[in-house]
């Protein structure tokens, strides 16, 4: 998986081939890497989809393994909490009516959001252990 923050795109890849492409919404303060738990930024770096949460308060969720060692080292040196709980998910439960409009502004606390229908597709295509790279 590859997330390109500036153009708000997420690509599902098989090798160098793009299988699917999605428009995404990011954290409310999207510029720059996530540095602490209150900055509302989507992280940047290499991570893994390490578990799934079918019962999150958003429509389905795939957990991103943020923070990685680099993020923890930065936070420790800066004396801050790096945070966690970064997910790829659909819209909040009960708000399916929002649909594709959710992608017209950055509304998450640092997660990567897609529509519920897209989340159904991603849920089926992405296995736990899938690498994900998030770039500026």
C-alpha atoms as a PDB file:
ATOM      1  CA  UNK A   1       0.000   0.000   0.000  1.00  0.00           C
ATOM      2  CA  UNK A   2       1.108   3.532  -0.689  1.00  0.00           C
ATOM      3  CA  UNK A   3      -0.471   6.723   0.645  1.00  0.00           C
ATOM      4  CA  UNK A   4       0.445   9.993  -1.048  1.00  0.00           C
ATOM      5  CA  UNK A   5      -0.629  12.736   1.332  1.00  0.00           C
ATOM      6  CA  UNK A   6      -0.367  15.830  -0.885  1.00  0.00           C
ATOM      7  CA  UNK A   7      -2.625  14.512  -3.673  1.00  0.00           C
ATOM      8  CA  UNK A   8      -4.806  12.661  -1.112  1.00  0.00           C
ATOM      9  CA  UNK A   9      -4.422   9.266  -2.799  1.00  0.00           C
ATOM     10  CA  UNK A  10      -4.053   5.717  -1.516  1.00  0.00           C
ATOM     11  CA  UNK A  11      -2.833   3.027  -3.893  1.00  0.00           C
ATOM     12  CA  UNK A  12      -3.191  -0.712  -3.434  1.00  0.00           C
ATOM     13  CA  UNK A  13      -0.230  -2.272  -5.178  1.00  0.00           C
ATOM     14  CA  UNK A  14       0.886  -5.675  -6.338  1.00  0.00           C
ATOM     15  CA  UNK A  15       4.561  -5.209  -7.082  1.00  0.00           C
ATOM     16  CA  UNK A  16       4.731  -2.066  -9.218  1.00  0.00           C
ATOM     17  CA  UNK A  17       1.196  -2.511 -10.538  1.00  0.00           C
ATOM     18  CA  UNK A  18      -1.637  -0.366  -9.146  1.00  0.00           C
ATOM     19  CA  UNK A  19      -4.629  -2.593  -8.355  1.00  0.00           C
ATOM     20  CA  UNK A  20      -6.867   0.134  -6.925  1.00  0.00           C
ATOM     21  CA  UNK A  21      -6.636   3.856  -6.251  1.00  0.00           C
ATOM     22  CA  UNK A  22      -8.715   5.788  -3.704  1.00  0.00           C
ATOM     23  CA  UNK A  23      -9.184   9.445  -2.831  1.00  0.00           C
ATOM     24  CA  UNK A  24      -8.694   9.847   0.909  1.00  0.00           C
ATOM     25  CA  UNK A  25      -9.210  12.309   3.736  1.00  0.00           C
ATOM     26  CA  UNK A  26      -6.394  12.754   6.251  1.00  0.00           C
ATOM     27  CA  UNK A  27      -5.815  14.306   9.654  1.00  0.00           C
ATOM     28  CA  UNK A  28      -7.073  17.864  10.150  1.00  0.00           C
ATOM     29  CA  UNK A  29      -3.503  19.187  10.143  1.00  0.00           C
ATOM     30  CA  UNK A  30      -2.106  17.151   7.248  1.00  0.00           C
ATOM     31  CA  UNK A  31       1.192  18.907   6.447  1.00  0.00           C
ATOM     32  CA  UNK A  32       4.283  17.231   7.854  1.00  0.00           C
ATOM     33  CA  UNK A  33       4.801  13.979   9.748  1.00  0.00           C
ATOM     34  CA  UNK A  34       2.964  13.077  12.936  1.00  0.00           C
ATOM     35  CA  UNK A  35       5.100  14.082  15.928  1.00  0.00           C
ATOM     36  CA  UNK A  36       2.817  13.810  18.962  1.00  0.00           C
ATOM     37  CA  UNK A  37      -0.610  12.555  19.906  1.00  0.00           C
ATOM     38  CA  UNK A  38      -2.404  15.909  19.696  1.00  0.00           C
ATOM     39  CA  UNK A  39      -1.063  17.253  16.394  1.00  0.00           C
ATOM     40  CA  UNK A  40      -3.869  15.777  14.214  1.00  0.00           C
ATOM     41  CA  UNK A  41      -1.375  14.820  11.531  1.00  0.00           C
ATOM     42  CA  UNK A  42      -1.265  11.644   9.499  1.00  0.00           C
ATOM     43  CA  UNK A  43       2.143   9.984   9.980  1.00  0.00           C
ATOM     44  CA  UNK A  44       4.775   9.626   7.291  1.00  0.00           C
ATOM     45  CA  UNK A  45       7.027   6.603   6.971  1.00  0.00           C
ATOM     46  CA  UNK A  46       6.960   2.835   6.597  1.00  0.00           C
ATOM     47  CA  UNK A  47       4.486   0.831   8.637  1.00  0.00           C
ATOM     48  CA  UNK A  48       2.436  -2.362   8.515  1.00  0.00           C
ATOM     49  CA  UNK A  49      -1.272  -3.119   8.648  1.00  0.00           C
ATOM     50  CA  UNK A  50      -1.040  -5.069  11.886  1.00  0.00           C
ATOM     51  CA  UNK A  51      -4.654  -5.788  12.832  1.00  0.00           C
ATOM     52  CA  UNK A  52      -8.252  -5.136  11.888  1.00  0.00           C
ATOM     53  CA  UNK A  53     -11.057  -3.725  13.961  1.00  0.00           C
ATOM     54  CA  UNK A  54     -14.526  -4.605  12.700  1.00  0.00           C
ATOM     55  CA  UNK A  55     -16.122  -2.946  15.748  1.00  0.00           C
ATOM     56  CA  UNK A  56     -14.451   0.473  15.756  1.00  0.00           C
ATOM     57  CA  UNK A  57     -16.535   3.658  16.032  1.00  0.00           C
ATOM     58  CA  UNK A  58     -15.872   4.141  12.322  1.00  0.00           C
ATOM     59  CA  UNK A  59     -16.933   1.752   9.586  1.00  0.00           C
ATOM     60  CA  UNK A  60     -14.349  -1.002   9.799  1.00  0.00           C
ATOM     61  CA  UNK A  61     -10.754  -0.128  10.494  1.00  0.00           C
ATOM     62  CA  UNK A  62      -7.314  -1.422   9.599  1.00  0.00           C
ATOM     63  CA  UNK A  63      -4.704  -0.482  12.195  1.00  0.00           C
ATOM     64  CA  UNK A  64      -1.448   1.092  10.993  1.00  0.00           C
ATOM     65  CA  UNK A  65       1.586   0.150  13.120  1.00  0.00           C
ATOM     66  CA  UNK A  66       2.370   3.796  14.003  1.00  0.00           C
ATOM     67  CA  UNK A  67       4.526   4.653  15.920  1.00  0.00           C
ATOM     68  CA  UNK A  68       7.547   2.859  14.508  1.00  0.00           C
ATOM     69  CA  UNK A  69      11.010   2.965  16.145  1.00  0.00           C
ATOM     70  CA  UNK A  70      11.911   6.212  14.395  1.00  0.00           C
ATOM     71  CA  UNK A  71       8.691   7.891  15.589  1.00  0.00           C
ATOM     72  CA  UNK A  72       9.252   6.678  19.178  1.00  0.00           C
ATOM     73  CA  UNK A  73      12.873   7.911  19.141  1.00  0.00           C
ATOM     74  CA  UNK A  74      11.806  11.350  17.928  1.00  0.00           C
ATOM     75  CA  UNK A  75       9.063  11.576  20.555  1.00  0.00           C
ATOM     76  CA  UNK A  76      11.385  10.457  23.352  1.00  0.00           C
ATOM     77  CA  UNK A  77      14.000  13.058  22.427  1.00  0.00           C
ATOM     78  CA  UNK A  78      11.315  15.749  22.119  1.00  0.00           C
ATOM     79  CA  UNK A  79       9.718  14.718  25.424  1.00  0.00           C
ATOM     80  CA  UNK A  80       6.297  14.082  23.884  1.00  0.00           C
ATOM     81  CA  UNK A  81       3.862  11.190  23.545  1.00  0.00           C
ATOM     82  CA  UNK A  82       3.899   9.980  19.921  1.00  0.00           C
ATOM     83  CA  UNK A  83       0.300   8.822  20.133  1.00  0.00           C
ATOM     84  CA  UNK A  84      -1.125   5.855  18.272  1.00  0.00           C
ATOM     85  CA  UNK A  85      -4.409   4.492  17.043  1.00  0.00           C
ATOM     86  CA  UNK A  86      -3.794   5.436  13.415  1.00  0.00           C
ATOM     87  CA  UNK A  87      -6.221   3.576  11.178  1.00  0.00           C
ATOM     88  CA  UNK A  88      -7.551   3.310   7.664  1.00  0.00           C
ATOM     89  CA  UNK A  89     -11.328   3.478   8.091  1.00  0.00           C
ATOM     90  CA  UNK A  90     -14.684   4.495   6.674  1.00  0.00           C
ATOM     91  CA  UNK A  91     -16.973   7.231   7.982  1.00  0.00           C
ATOM     92  CA  UNK A  92     -18.208   7.374  11.591  1.00  0.00           C
ATOM     93  CA  UNK A  93     -20.835   4.794  12.476  1.00  0.00           C
ATOM     94  CA  UNK A  94     -24.328   5.963  11.595  1.00  0.00           C
ATOM     95  CA  UNK A  95     -23.079   8.547   9.084  1.00  0.00           C
ATOM     96  CA  UNK A  96     -22.931   6.456   5.928  1.00  0.00           C
ATOM     97  CA  UNK A  97     -25.043   9.144   4.228  1.00  0.00           C
ATOM     98  CA  UNK A  98     -21.907  11.326   4.073  1.00  0.00           C
ATOM     99  CA  UNK A  99     -20.514   8.997   1.402  1.00  0.00           C
ATOM    100  CA  UNK A 100     -17.965  10.508  -0.979  1.00  0.00           C
ATOM    101  CA  UNK A 101     -18.388  13.994   0.530  1.00  0.00           C
ATOM    102  CA  UNK A 102     -16.114  12.862   3.377  1.00  0.00           C
ATOM    103  CA  UNK A 103     -13.113  13.199   1.090  1.00  0.00           C
ATOM    104  CA  UNK A 104     -13.575  16.908   0.383  1.00  0.00           C
ATOM    105  CA  UNK A 105     -11.932  17.989   3.627  1.00  0.00           C
ATOM    106  CA  UNK A 106      -9.428  16.536   6.090  1.00  0.00           C
ATOM    107  CA  UNK A 107     -11.450  15.579   9.153  1.00  0.00           C
ATOM    108  CA  UNK A 108      -9.664  12.769  11.023  1.00  0.00           C
ATOM    109  CA  UNK A 109      -7.315  12.983  13.998  1.00  0.00           C
ATOM    110  CA  UNK A 110      -4.510  11.478  11.904  1.00  0.00           C
ATOM    111  CA  UNK A 111      -6.180   8.506  10.254  1.00  0.00           C
ATOM    112  CA  UNK A 112      -6.762   7.781   6.580  1.00  0.00           C
ATOM    113  CA  UNK A 113     -10.456   7.806   5.656  1.00  0.00           C
ATOM    114  CA  UNK A 114     -12.314   6.386   2.670  1.00  0.00           C
ATOM    115  CA  UNK A 115     -15.997   5.769   1.944  1.00  0.00           C
ATOM    116  CA  UNK A 116     -17.684   2.772   3.543  1.00  0.00           C
ATOM    117  CA  UNK A 117     -18.037   1.045   0.163  1.00  0.00           C
ATOM    118  CA  UNK A 118     -14.318   1.548  -0.481  1.00  0.00           C
ATOM    119  CA  UNK A 119     -13.565   0.239   3.004  1.00  0.00           C
ATOM    120  CA  UNK A 120     -15.469  -2.956   2.184  1.00  0.00           C
ATOM    121  CA  UNK A 121     -13.245  -3.448  -0.856  1.00  0.00           C
ATOM    122  CA  UNK A 122     -10.023  -2.637   1.036  1.00  0.00           C
ATOM    123  CA  UNK A 123     -11.072  -4.948   3.896  1.00  0.00           C
ATOM    124  CA  UNK A 124     -11.255  -7.849   1.426  1.00  0.00           C
ATOM    125  CA  UNK A 125      -8.089  -7.024  -0.523  1.00  0.00           C
ATOM    126  CA  UNK A 126      -5.635  -6.115   2.258  1.00  0.00           C
ATOM    127  CA  UNK A 127      -4.249  -8.766   4.582  1.00  0.00           C
ATOM    128  CA  UNK A 128      -2.801  -8.224   8.041  1.00  0.00           C
ATOM    129  CA  UNK A 129       0.955  -7.820   7.659  1.00  0.00           C
ATOM    130  CA  UNK A 130       0.645  -5.736   4.484  1.00  0.00           C
ATOM    131  CA  UNK A 131       3.331  -3.035   4.328  1.00  0.00           C
ATOM    132  CA  UNK A 132       2.121   0.543   4.006  1.00  0.00           C
ATOM    133  CA  UNK A 133       4.249   3.529   3.121  1.00  0.00           C
ATOM    134  CA  UNK A 134       2.898   7.009   3.782  1.00  0.00           C
ATOM    135  CA  UNK A 135       4.639   9.792   1.864  1.00  0.00           C
ATOM    136  CA  UNK A 136       4.234  13.580   2.032  1.00  0.00           C
END
